[in-house]
N, C-alpha and C. Protein backbone atom coordinates (compact mmCIF):
# COMPACT_ATOMS: atom_id res chain seq x y z
N MET A 1 -52.95 0.38 -22.38
CA MET A 1 -52.50 0.85 -21.25
C MET A 1 -52.75 -0.35 -20.07
N VAL A 2 -51.74 -0.75 -19.53
CA VAL A 2 -51.93 -1.70 -18.32
C VAL A 2 -52.32 -1.18 -17.03
N ARG A 3 -53.38 -1.66 -16.55
CA ARG A 3 -53.81 -1.26 -15.15
C ARG A 3 -53.41 -2.21 -14.17
N PRO A 4 -53.19 -1.73 -12.85
CA PRO A 4 -53.07 -2.70 -11.82
C PRO A 4 -54.31 -3.42 -11.54
N MET A 5 -54.16 -4.77 -11.42
CA MET A 5 -55.26 -5.53 -11.17
C MET A 5 -55.49 -5.87 -9.74
N GLN A 6 -56.75 -5.62 -9.34
CA GLN A 6 -57.28 -5.88 -7.95
C GLN A 6 -57.39 -7.47 -7.88
N LYS A 7 -57.14 -7.95 -6.69
CA LYS A 7 -57.30 -9.38 -6.46
C LYS A 7 -58.59 -10.01 -6.88
N SER A 8 -59.70 -9.13 -6.60
CA SER A 8 -61.00 -9.56 -6.93
C SER A 8 -61.15 -9.67 -8.52
N ALA A 9 -60.40 -8.93 -9.34
CA ALA A 9 -60.49 -9.05 -10.80
C ALA A 9 -59.69 -10.27 -11.11
N LEU A 10 -58.64 -10.66 -10.47
CA LEU A 10 -57.98 -11.87 -10.81
C LEU A 10 -58.89 -13.06 -10.57
N ASP A 11 -59.46 -13.09 -9.22
CA ASP A 11 -60.33 -14.08 -8.92
C ASP A 11 -61.50 -14.37 -10.02
N ARG A 12 -62.08 -13.18 -10.41
CA ARG A 12 -63.15 -13.29 -11.48
C ARG A 12 -62.58 -13.77 -12.83
N VAL A 13 -61.39 -13.37 -13.24
CA VAL A 13 -60.87 -13.80 -14.61
C VAL A 13 -60.56 -15.41 -14.47
N THR A 14 -60.04 -15.71 -13.15
CA THR A 14 -59.77 -17.13 -12.98
C THR A 14 -61.04 -18.03 -13.25
N VAL A 15 -62.21 -17.57 -12.59
CA VAL A 15 -63.41 -18.28 -12.72
C VAL A 15 -63.78 -18.37 -14.21
N VAL A 16 -63.85 -17.33 -14.88
CA VAL A 16 -64.19 -17.21 -16.26
C VAL A 16 -63.18 -18.19 -17.10
N PHE A 17 -61.99 -18.16 -16.80
CA PHE A 17 -61.17 -19.05 -17.73
C PHE A 17 -61.59 -20.50 -17.40
N THR A 18 -61.76 -20.75 -16.18
CA THR A 18 -62.25 -22.19 -15.83
C THR A 18 -63.50 -22.52 -16.59
N LEU A 19 -64.44 -21.63 -16.58
CA LEU A 19 -65.78 -21.91 -17.20
C LEU A 19 -65.65 -22.02 -18.81
N PHE A 20 -64.71 -21.17 -19.22
CA PHE A 20 -64.58 -21.13 -20.78
C PHE A 20 -63.80 -22.47 -21.34
N ASP A 21 -62.99 -23.06 -20.35
CA ASP A 21 -62.27 -24.25 -20.73
C ASP A 21 -63.24 -25.35 -20.62
N ARG A 22 -64.05 -25.42 -21.60
CA ARG A 22 -65.22 -26.49 -21.57
C ARG A 22 -64.64 -27.81 -21.53
N ASN A 23 -63.50 -28.12 -22.24
CA ASN A 23 -63.06 -29.56 -22.35
C ASN A 23 -62.00 -29.77 -21.40
N GLU A 24 -61.71 -28.88 -20.38
CA GLU A 24 -60.85 -28.94 -19.30
C GLU A 24 -59.60 -29.39 -19.52
N ASP A 25 -58.97 -28.89 -20.61
CA ASP A 25 -57.61 -29.39 -20.96
C ASP A 25 -56.63 -28.11 -20.63
N GLY A 26 -57.05 -27.23 -19.85
CA GLY A 26 -56.00 -26.26 -19.29
C GLY A 26 -55.75 -25.06 -20.15
N HIS A 27 -56.39 -24.98 -21.39
CA HIS A 27 -56.20 -23.75 -22.19
C HIS A 27 -57.55 -23.54 -23.01
N LEU A 28 -57.69 -22.38 -23.60
CA LEU A 28 -58.80 -22.06 -24.22
C LEU A 28 -58.49 -22.18 -25.79
N GLU A 29 -59.40 -22.60 -26.62
CA GLU A 29 -59.34 -22.77 -28.06
C GLU A 29 -60.71 -22.57 -28.53
N ALA A 30 -60.73 -22.42 -29.86
CA ALA A 30 -62.08 -21.91 -30.55
C ALA A 30 -63.21 -23.09 -30.15
N GLU A 31 -62.97 -24.36 -30.00
CA GLU A 31 -63.95 -25.36 -29.75
C GLU A 31 -64.52 -25.05 -28.38
N ASP A 32 -63.88 -24.51 -27.43
CA ASP A 32 -64.39 -24.29 -26.20
C ASP A 32 -65.60 -23.11 -26.28
N PHE A 33 -65.40 -22.19 -26.98
CA PHE A 33 -66.23 -21.11 -27.28
C PHE A 33 -67.52 -21.62 -28.04
N GLU A 34 -67.36 -22.60 -29.02
CA GLU A 34 -68.35 -23.07 -29.87
C GLU A 34 -69.29 -24.04 -28.92
N ILE A 35 -68.63 -24.74 -27.91
CA ILE A 35 -69.43 -25.52 -27.09
C ILE A 35 -70.23 -24.63 -26.11
N MET A 36 -69.65 -23.71 -25.53
CA MET A 36 -70.35 -22.85 -24.53
C MET A 36 -71.52 -21.99 -25.30
N ALA A 37 -71.24 -21.62 -26.52
CA ALA A 37 -72.19 -20.97 -27.30
C ALA A 37 -73.57 -21.85 -27.49
N ALA A 38 -73.16 -23.01 -27.84
CA ALA A 38 -74.26 -24.11 -27.98
C ALA A 38 -75.08 -24.25 -26.79
N ASP A 39 -74.33 -24.48 -25.68
CA ASP A 39 -74.97 -24.58 -24.26
C ASP A 39 -75.76 -23.45 -23.99
N VAL A 40 -75.33 -22.33 -24.19
CA VAL A 40 -76.17 -21.09 -23.71
C VAL A 40 -77.37 -20.92 -24.67
N ALA A 41 -77.22 -21.18 -26.02
CA ALA A 41 -78.30 -21.08 -26.92
C ALA A 41 -79.38 -22.09 -26.49
N ARG A 42 -78.98 -23.28 -26.24
CA ARG A 42 -80.03 -24.23 -25.72
C ARG A 42 -80.76 -23.93 -24.52
N ALA A 43 -80.08 -23.10 -23.72
CA ALA A 43 -80.69 -22.74 -22.34
C ALA A 43 -81.66 -21.48 -22.55
N ALA A 44 -81.97 -21.09 -23.84
CA ALA A 44 -82.83 -19.98 -24.08
C ALA A 44 -83.74 -20.38 -24.96
N PRO A 45 -84.74 -21.33 -24.95
CA PRO A 45 -85.70 -21.89 -25.67
C PRO A 45 -86.66 -20.88 -26.22
N GLN A 46 -87.01 -19.96 -25.40
CA GLN A 46 -87.96 -18.78 -25.62
C GLN A 46 -87.35 -17.85 -26.67
N SER A 47 -86.11 -17.66 -26.77
CA SER A 47 -85.51 -16.71 -27.54
C SER A 47 -85.47 -16.99 -29.06
N SER A 48 -85.55 -16.08 -29.97
CA SER A 48 -85.54 -16.28 -31.25
C SER A 48 -84.23 -16.82 -31.85
N GLU A 49 -84.35 -17.47 -32.97
CA GLU A 49 -83.12 -17.87 -33.61
C GLU A 49 -82.29 -16.71 -33.95
N ALA A 50 -82.72 -15.64 -34.26
CA ALA A 50 -81.85 -14.49 -34.50
C ALA A 50 -81.12 -14.09 -33.26
N ALA A 51 -81.73 -14.12 -32.21
CA ALA A 51 -80.99 -13.73 -30.83
C ALA A 51 -80.03 -14.86 -30.59
N LYS A 52 -80.33 -15.97 -30.79
CA LYS A 52 -79.36 -17.16 -30.53
C LYS A 52 -78.19 -17.00 -31.42
N ASN A 53 -78.36 -16.68 -32.67
CA ASN A 53 -77.30 -16.51 -33.69
C ASN A 53 -76.48 -15.35 -33.33
N THR A 54 -77.10 -14.31 -32.88
CA THR A 54 -76.26 -13.17 -32.37
C THR A 54 -75.51 -13.58 -31.17
N MET A 55 -75.92 -14.36 -30.28
CA MET A 55 -75.22 -14.82 -29.14
C MET A 55 -73.95 -15.64 -29.59
N ARG A 56 -74.34 -16.61 -30.55
CA ARG A 56 -73.29 -17.52 -31.15
C ARG A 56 -72.16 -16.60 -31.80
N GLY A 57 -72.62 -15.64 -32.57
CA GLY A 57 -71.57 -14.72 -33.16
C GLY A 57 -70.70 -13.91 -32.15
N ALA A 58 -71.36 -13.61 -30.98
CA ALA A 58 -70.60 -12.79 -29.96
C ALA A 58 -69.62 -13.87 -29.48
N PHE A 59 -69.96 -14.97 -29.20
CA PHE A 59 -68.98 -15.99 -28.71
C PHE A 59 -67.83 -16.26 -29.59
N GLY A 60 -68.19 -16.26 -30.90
CA GLY A 60 -67.11 -16.47 -32.08
C GLY A 60 -66.22 -15.22 -31.99
N ARG A 61 -66.82 -14.04 -31.95
CA ARG A 61 -65.92 -12.84 -31.93
C ARG A 61 -65.08 -12.70 -30.71
N TYR A 62 -65.69 -13.15 -29.52
CA TYR A 62 -64.89 -13.17 -28.40
C TYR A 62 -63.72 -14.07 -28.54
N TRP A 63 -63.81 -15.19 -28.95
CA TRP A 63 -62.78 -16.19 -29.35
C TRP A 63 -61.74 -15.42 -30.22
N ALA A 64 -62.31 -14.88 -31.47
CA ALA A 64 -61.29 -14.32 -32.44
C ALA A 64 -60.54 -13.08 -31.93
N THR A 65 -61.23 -12.37 -31.05
CA THR A 65 -60.45 -11.21 -30.35
C THR A 65 -59.35 -11.73 -29.49
N LEU A 66 -59.80 -12.74 -28.52
CA LEU A 66 -58.70 -13.32 -27.76
C LEU A 66 -57.55 -13.88 -28.42
N ALA A 67 -57.85 -14.66 -29.60
CA ALA A 67 -56.77 -15.28 -30.37
C ALA A 67 -55.92 -14.19 -30.98
N ALA A 68 -56.50 -13.16 -31.56
CA ALA A 68 -55.72 -12.05 -32.18
C ALA A 68 -54.93 -11.30 -31.28
N GLU A 69 -55.52 -11.10 -30.07
CA GLU A 69 -54.78 -10.16 -29.10
C GLU A 69 -53.92 -10.86 -28.12
N LEU A 70 -54.19 -12.07 -27.70
CA LEU A 70 -53.58 -12.69 -26.64
C LEU A 70 -52.56 -13.99 -26.89
N ASP A 71 -52.99 -14.58 -28.04
CA ASP A 71 -52.33 -15.81 -28.32
C ASP A 71 -50.74 -15.56 -28.82
N ALA A 72 -49.94 -15.29 -27.83
CA ALA A 72 -48.65 -14.71 -27.95
C ALA A 72 -47.81 -15.61 -28.82
N ASP A 73 -47.91 -16.95 -28.82
CA ASP A 73 -47.13 -18.05 -29.56
C ASP A 73 -47.92 -18.40 -30.73
N ARG A 74 -49.02 -17.87 -31.00
CA ARG A 74 -49.82 -18.15 -32.16
C ARG A 74 -50.14 -19.78 -32.41
N ASP A 75 -50.32 -20.43 -31.31
CA ASP A 75 -50.52 -21.87 -31.37
C ASP A 75 -51.99 -22.32 -31.31
N GLY A 76 -52.85 -21.22 -31.52
CA GLY A 76 -54.38 -21.47 -31.46
C GLY A 76 -54.99 -21.80 -30.10
N MET A 77 -54.22 -21.62 -29.14
CA MET A 77 -54.71 -21.87 -27.69
C MET A 77 -54.27 -20.62 -26.85
N ILE A 78 -55.15 -20.29 -25.86
CA ILE A 78 -54.77 -19.21 -24.89
C ILE A 78 -54.62 -19.90 -23.57
N THR A 79 -53.49 -19.62 -22.97
CA THR A 79 -53.11 -20.11 -21.62
C THR A 79 -53.82 -19.18 -20.64
N PHE A 80 -53.75 -19.54 -19.32
CA PHE A 80 -54.27 -18.52 -18.27
C PHE A 80 -53.52 -17.41 -18.30
N ASP A 81 -52.14 -17.59 -18.30
CA ASP A 81 -51.44 -16.30 -18.31
C ASP A 81 -51.67 -15.31 -19.50
N GLU A 82 -51.79 -15.93 -20.78
CA GLU A 82 -52.15 -15.10 -21.79
C GLU A 82 -53.65 -14.38 -21.55
N PHE A 83 -54.54 -15.13 -20.98
CA PHE A 83 -55.99 -14.75 -20.72
C PHE A 83 -56.00 -13.59 -19.84
N THR A 84 -55.20 -13.55 -18.75
CA THR A 84 -55.22 -12.42 -17.81
C THR A 84 -54.99 -11.13 -18.40
N ALA A 85 -54.52 -11.09 -19.67
CA ALA A 85 -54.12 -9.85 -20.24
C ALA A 85 -55.50 -9.09 -20.72
N CYS A 86 -56.64 -9.86 -20.84
CA CYS A 86 -57.92 -9.28 -21.09
C CYS A 86 -58.41 -8.36 -20.15
N VAL A 87 -58.06 -8.81 -18.82
CA VAL A 87 -58.42 -7.92 -17.67
C VAL A 87 -57.39 -6.77 -17.56
N LEU A 88 -56.10 -7.01 -17.84
CA LEU A 88 -55.05 -6.13 -17.50
C LEU A 88 -55.07 -4.82 -18.59
N ALA A 89 -55.59 -5.22 -19.75
CA ALA A 89 -55.81 -4.10 -20.80
C ALA A 89 -57.14 -4.19 -21.48
N PRO A 90 -58.17 -3.82 -20.36
CA PRO A 90 -59.53 -4.08 -21.00
C PRO A 90 -59.95 -3.25 -22.26
N GLU A 91 -59.25 -2.06 -22.44
CA GLU A 91 -59.67 -1.19 -23.53
C GLU A 91 -59.39 -1.97 -24.99
N ARG A 92 -58.60 -3.03 -24.92
CA ARG A 92 -58.34 -3.85 -26.09
C ARG A 92 -59.57 -4.78 -26.40
N PHE A 93 -60.35 -4.93 -25.31
CA PHE A 93 -61.46 -5.86 -25.39
C PHE A 93 -62.91 -5.14 -25.10
N ASP A 94 -62.88 -3.92 -24.89
CA ASP A 94 -64.23 -3.20 -24.65
C ASP A 94 -65.26 -3.61 -25.56
N ASP A 95 -65.01 -3.42 -26.78
CA ASP A 95 -66.03 -3.67 -27.89
C ASP A 95 -66.52 -5.11 -27.87
N THR A 96 -65.61 -6.05 -27.64
CA THR A 96 -65.95 -7.47 -27.69
C THR A 96 -66.80 -7.74 -26.31
N ILE A 97 -66.47 -7.31 -25.24
CA ILE A 97 -67.08 -7.54 -23.93
C ILE A 97 -68.50 -6.99 -24.09
N SER A 98 -68.50 -5.66 -24.77
CA SER A 98 -69.91 -5.01 -24.78
C SER A 98 -70.79 -5.89 -25.67
N GLU A 99 -70.26 -6.34 -26.79
CA GLU A 99 -71.09 -7.09 -27.72
C GLU A 99 -71.66 -8.28 -27.02
N PHE A 100 -70.68 -9.10 -26.39
CA PHE A 100 -70.94 -10.34 -25.64
C PHE A 100 -72.13 -9.96 -24.63
N ALA A 101 -71.95 -8.85 -23.84
CA ALA A 101 -72.87 -8.70 -22.63
C ALA A 101 -74.30 -8.25 -23.24
N GLU A 102 -74.32 -7.48 -24.32
CA GLU A 102 -75.57 -7.16 -24.88
C GLU A 102 -76.34 -8.34 -25.57
N ALA A 103 -75.55 -9.33 -26.12
CA ALA A 103 -76.06 -10.51 -26.79
C ALA A 103 -76.70 -11.43 -25.72
N LEU A 104 -75.87 -11.60 -24.65
CA LEU A 104 -76.32 -12.50 -23.53
C LEU A 104 -77.56 -11.85 -22.85
N ALA A 105 -77.54 -10.63 -22.56
CA ALA A 105 -78.61 -10.11 -22.03
C ALA A 105 -80.02 -10.07 -22.88
N ALA A 106 -79.73 -9.85 -24.08
CA ALA A 106 -80.87 -9.93 -25.05
C ALA A 106 -81.47 -11.36 -25.13
N LEU A 107 -80.56 -12.37 -24.96
CA LEU A 107 -81.06 -13.67 -24.97
C LEU A 107 -81.92 -13.93 -23.76
N GLY A 108 -81.63 -13.35 -22.65
CA GLY A 108 -82.36 -13.41 -21.46
C GLY A 108 -83.62 -12.51 -21.48
N ASP A 109 -83.90 -11.85 -22.45
CA ASP A 109 -85.17 -10.97 -22.51
C ASP A 109 -85.82 -11.28 -23.87
N PRO A 110 -86.21 -12.56 -23.97
CA PRO A 110 -86.90 -12.93 -25.31
C PRO A 110 -88.15 -11.97 -25.65
N ASP A 111 -88.88 -11.54 -24.82
CA ASP A 111 -90.02 -10.67 -25.16
C ASP A 111 -89.63 -9.26 -25.31
N GLY A 112 -88.44 -8.86 -25.25
CA GLY A 112 -87.92 -7.51 -25.51
C GLY A 112 -88.46 -6.38 -24.74
N ASP A 113 -89.00 -6.63 -23.45
CA ASP A 113 -89.36 -5.61 -22.55
C ASP A 113 -88.52 -4.93 -21.67
N GLY A 114 -87.16 -5.30 -21.96
CA GLY A 114 -85.97 -4.63 -21.16
C GLY A 114 -85.95 -5.13 -19.60
N LEU A 115 -86.66 -6.34 -19.42
CA LEU A 115 -86.57 -6.94 -18.07
C LEU A 115 -86.11 -8.48 -18.29
N ILE A 116 -85.50 -9.01 -17.35
CA ILE A 116 -85.11 -10.40 -17.34
C ILE A 116 -85.64 -11.06 -16.13
N GLU A 117 -86.31 -12.14 -16.34
CA GLU A 117 -86.82 -12.87 -15.19
C GLU A 117 -85.90 -13.76 -14.65
N ARG A 118 -86.05 -14.03 -13.26
CA ARG A 118 -84.93 -14.96 -12.69
C ARG A 118 -84.77 -16.26 -13.35
N PRO A 119 -85.92 -17.01 -13.60
CA PRO A 119 -85.73 -18.42 -14.32
C PRO A 119 -84.78 -18.27 -15.54
N GLY A 120 -85.02 -17.30 -16.32
CA GLY A 120 -84.30 -17.17 -17.59
C GLY A 120 -82.80 -16.96 -17.42
N PHE A 121 -82.73 -16.01 -16.30
CA PHE A 121 -81.28 -15.72 -15.88
C PHE A 121 -80.47 -16.87 -15.37
N LEU A 122 -81.31 -17.59 -14.51
CA LEU A 122 -80.72 -18.85 -13.99
C LEU A 122 -80.24 -19.79 -15.03
N ALA A 123 -81.20 -19.96 -16.05
CA ALA A 123 -80.89 -20.92 -17.08
C ALA A 123 -79.60 -20.71 -17.83
N LEU A 124 -79.48 -19.34 -18.16
CA LEU A 124 -78.39 -18.89 -18.98
C LEU A 124 -77.03 -19.00 -18.29
N MET A 125 -77.08 -18.56 -17.00
CA MET A 125 -75.92 -18.61 -16.24
C MET A 125 -75.47 -19.89 -15.72
N THR A 126 -76.48 -20.83 -15.54
CA THR A 126 -76.07 -22.19 -15.23
C THR A 126 -75.50 -22.83 -16.71
N ALA A 127 -76.10 -22.48 -17.86
CA ALA A 127 -75.44 -23.01 -18.97
C ALA A 127 -74.07 -22.54 -19.13
N ILE A 128 -73.67 -21.35 -18.74
CA ILE A 128 -72.27 -21.05 -18.70
C ILE A 128 -71.46 -21.69 -17.73
N GLY A 129 -72.03 -22.17 -16.61
CA GLY A 129 -71.28 -22.92 -15.64
C GLY A 129 -71.26 -22.42 -14.29
N PHE A 130 -71.96 -21.38 -14.06
CA PHE A 130 -71.84 -20.84 -12.65
C PHE A 130 -72.89 -21.73 -11.72
N GLU A 131 -72.60 -21.57 -10.30
CA GLU A 131 -73.29 -22.42 -9.50
C GLU A 131 -74.58 -21.62 -8.99
N ARG A 132 -75.69 -22.37 -8.83
CA ARG A 132 -77.11 -21.87 -8.57
C ARG A 132 -77.06 -20.75 -7.46
N ASP A 133 -76.44 -21.16 -6.27
CA ASP A 133 -76.34 -20.18 -5.14
C ASP A 133 -75.83 -18.87 -5.59
N ALA A 134 -74.73 -18.88 -6.33
CA ALA A 134 -74.02 -17.81 -6.86
C ALA A 134 -74.77 -16.97 -7.67
N ILE A 135 -75.45 -17.67 -8.64
CA ILE A 135 -76.29 -17.02 -9.71
C ILE A 135 -77.38 -16.29 -8.87
N ASN A 136 -78.13 -16.90 -7.88
CA ASN A 136 -79.21 -16.14 -7.18
C ASN A 136 -78.61 -14.99 -6.49
N ALA A 137 -77.50 -15.06 -5.96
CA ALA A 137 -76.88 -14.02 -5.20
C ALA A 137 -76.64 -12.79 -6.02
N LEU A 138 -76.02 -13.18 -7.19
CA LEU A 138 -75.89 -12.03 -8.32
C LEU A 138 -77.21 -11.47 -8.68
N PHE A 139 -78.16 -12.26 -9.00
CA PHE A 139 -79.32 -11.65 -9.41
C PHE A 139 -79.96 -10.62 -8.32
N ASP A 140 -79.86 -11.11 -7.13
CA ASP A 140 -80.39 -10.36 -5.96
C ASP A 140 -79.54 -9.10 -5.81
N ALA A 141 -78.28 -9.16 -6.15
CA ALA A 141 -77.36 -7.88 -6.01
C ALA A 141 -77.73 -6.87 -7.16
N PHE A 142 -78.34 -7.30 -8.19
CA PHE A 142 -78.90 -6.43 -9.22
C PHE A 142 -80.13 -5.78 -8.86
N GLY A 143 -80.79 -6.04 -7.62
CA GLY A 143 -81.89 -5.30 -7.25
C GLY A 143 -83.03 -5.65 -7.96
N PRO A 144 -83.56 -6.77 -7.96
CA PRO A 144 -84.76 -7.25 -8.73
C PRO A 144 -86.06 -6.38 -8.30
N THR A 145 -86.92 -6.34 -9.26
CA THR A 145 -88.23 -5.63 -9.00
C THR A 145 -89.08 -6.54 -8.09
N GLN A 146 -90.29 -6.01 -7.69
CA GLN A 146 -91.17 -6.84 -6.89
C GLN A 146 -91.59 -8.04 -7.61
N SER A 147 -91.64 -8.05 -8.96
CA SER A 147 -91.98 -9.30 -9.83
C SER A 147 -90.77 -10.08 -10.22
N ASP A 148 -89.60 -9.94 -9.42
CA ASP A 148 -88.49 -10.85 -9.39
C ASP A 148 -87.95 -10.59 -10.88
N GLN A 149 -87.61 -9.36 -11.38
CA GLN A 149 -87.02 -9.17 -12.56
C GLN A 149 -85.81 -8.12 -12.38
N ILE A 150 -84.84 -8.16 -13.36
CA ILE A 150 -83.79 -7.13 -13.33
C ILE A 150 -83.86 -6.57 -14.91
N THR A 151 -83.25 -5.47 -14.84
CA THR A 151 -83.20 -4.69 -16.04
C THR A 151 -82.01 -5.22 -17.05
N VAL A 152 -82.29 -5.29 -18.37
CA VAL A 152 -81.25 -5.67 -19.32
C VAL A 152 -79.95 -4.79 -19.03
N SER A 153 -80.09 -3.55 -18.79
CA SER A 153 -79.05 -2.63 -18.71
C SER A 153 -78.24 -2.88 -17.52
N ALA A 154 -78.90 -3.33 -16.39
CA ALA A 154 -78.16 -3.74 -15.12
C ALA A 154 -77.24 -4.92 -15.48
N TRP A 155 -77.73 -5.91 -16.19
CA TRP A 155 -76.97 -7.10 -16.55
C TRP A 155 -75.86 -6.86 -17.43
N VAL A 156 -76.14 -6.02 -18.46
CA VAL A 156 -75.03 -5.57 -19.38
C VAL A 156 -73.88 -4.82 -18.57
N ALA A 157 -74.38 -3.79 -17.67
CA ALA A 157 -73.25 -3.20 -16.97
C ALA A 157 -72.67 -4.03 -15.93
N GLY A 158 -73.25 -5.13 -15.31
CA GLY A 158 -72.54 -6.01 -14.49
C GLY A 158 -71.58 -6.82 -15.19
N ILE A 159 -71.89 -7.29 -16.40
CA ILE A 159 -70.84 -8.11 -17.20
C ILE A 159 -69.78 -7.27 -17.47
N LYS A 160 -69.87 -6.00 -17.84
CA LYS A 160 -68.87 -5.14 -18.24
C LYS A 160 -67.94 -5.01 -16.95
N ASP A 161 -68.55 -4.70 -15.85
CA ASP A 161 -67.79 -4.46 -14.55
C ASP A 161 -67.03 -5.70 -14.16
N TYR A 162 -67.50 -6.84 -14.48
CA TYR A 162 -66.86 -8.19 -14.13
C TYR A 162 -65.43 -8.23 -14.72
N TYR A 163 -65.36 -7.71 -15.87
CA TYR A 163 -63.96 -7.65 -16.58
C TYR A 163 -63.13 -6.52 -16.21
N SER A 164 -63.50 -5.66 -15.34
CA SER A 164 -62.68 -4.47 -15.10
C SER A 164 -61.57 -4.83 -14.02
N PRO A 165 -60.33 -4.46 -14.32
CA PRO A 165 -59.26 -4.71 -13.41
C PRO A 165 -59.38 -3.90 -12.05
N THR A 166 -60.09 -2.84 -12.07
CA THR A 166 -60.00 -1.89 -10.91
C THR A 166 -61.27 -2.01 -10.09
N LYS A 167 -62.31 -2.75 -10.39
CA LYS A 167 -63.55 -2.80 -9.84
C LYS A 167 -63.53 -3.93 -8.65
N THR A 168 -63.95 -3.51 -7.51
CA THR A 168 -64.10 -4.30 -6.24
C THR A 168 -65.58 -4.10 -5.80
N GLY A 169 -66.01 -5.21 -4.97
CA GLY A 169 -67.39 -5.05 -4.36
C GLY A 169 -68.40 -4.84 -5.39
N ILE A 170 -68.20 -5.48 -6.51
CA ILE A 170 -69.12 -5.38 -7.53
C ILE A 170 -70.17 -6.70 -7.40
N PRO A 171 -71.47 -6.50 -8.03
CA PRO A 171 -72.35 -7.64 -7.92
C PRO A 171 -71.52 -9.04 -8.49
N GLY A 172 -70.80 -8.93 -9.49
CA GLY A 172 -70.19 -10.07 -10.16
C GLY A 172 -69.24 -10.89 -9.24
N ASP A 173 -68.82 -10.17 -8.15
CA ASP A 173 -68.00 -10.92 -7.12
C ASP A 173 -68.80 -12.04 -6.46
N HIS A 174 -70.05 -12.05 -6.50
CA HIS A 174 -70.82 -13.13 -6.03
C HIS A 174 -70.63 -14.52 -6.85
N LEU A 175 -70.26 -14.31 -8.09
CA LEU A 175 -69.91 -15.50 -8.82
C LEU A 175 -68.62 -16.15 -8.52
N VAL A 176 -67.78 -15.44 -7.78
CA VAL A 176 -66.57 -16.05 -7.38
C VAL A 176 -66.51 -16.83 -6.10
N SER A 177 -67.33 -16.41 -5.15
CA SER A 177 -67.17 -16.94 -3.86
C SER A 177 -67.37 -18.47 -3.77
N THR A 178 -68.23 -18.97 -4.58
CA THR A 178 -68.33 -20.42 -4.49
C THR A 178 -67.65 -21.19 -5.66
N GLN A 179 -67.13 -20.51 -6.63
CA GLN A 179 -66.41 -21.07 -7.76
C GLN A 179 -64.81 -21.13 -7.57
N ALA A 180 -64.48 -20.16 -6.80
CA ALA A 180 -62.79 -20.21 -6.71
C ALA A 180 -62.29 -21.20 -5.88
């Protein structure tokens, strides 16, 4: 089912496309996801190799899902126009986004206590490519505890919301303001 897309959702998907395009050639391909996965894994030195491998696997499945679902001309590349379909028909990507969100949040919680400290969050989000001010605004929007931590579940939900075509005024919108 194709849903109407809010402008804020298009802004969010534009930012994500730009960040995923690691070699800045104007389209996404498997190599972009491999590069980002390596960057993100390096940003989590306190996390286990198992957690890093889960994250790498999530990036690989993210690419495989995009390629299978969106590569209309089967050229091994996803254009921006092809990529916007992941937001327009999110049910095609729910499982992939959920896996990605859970793997990323787990990487940010190396001690498994269900909480993510700001420095780890900053490191991971910087490795993805977001700007520091936007990352801090996002972290603050998740309502950190007195000890400056957010819950894993808040971050997972925030990532899922980021890909929703109908959501507006969500914490993830903070990532767009300085990137777009």
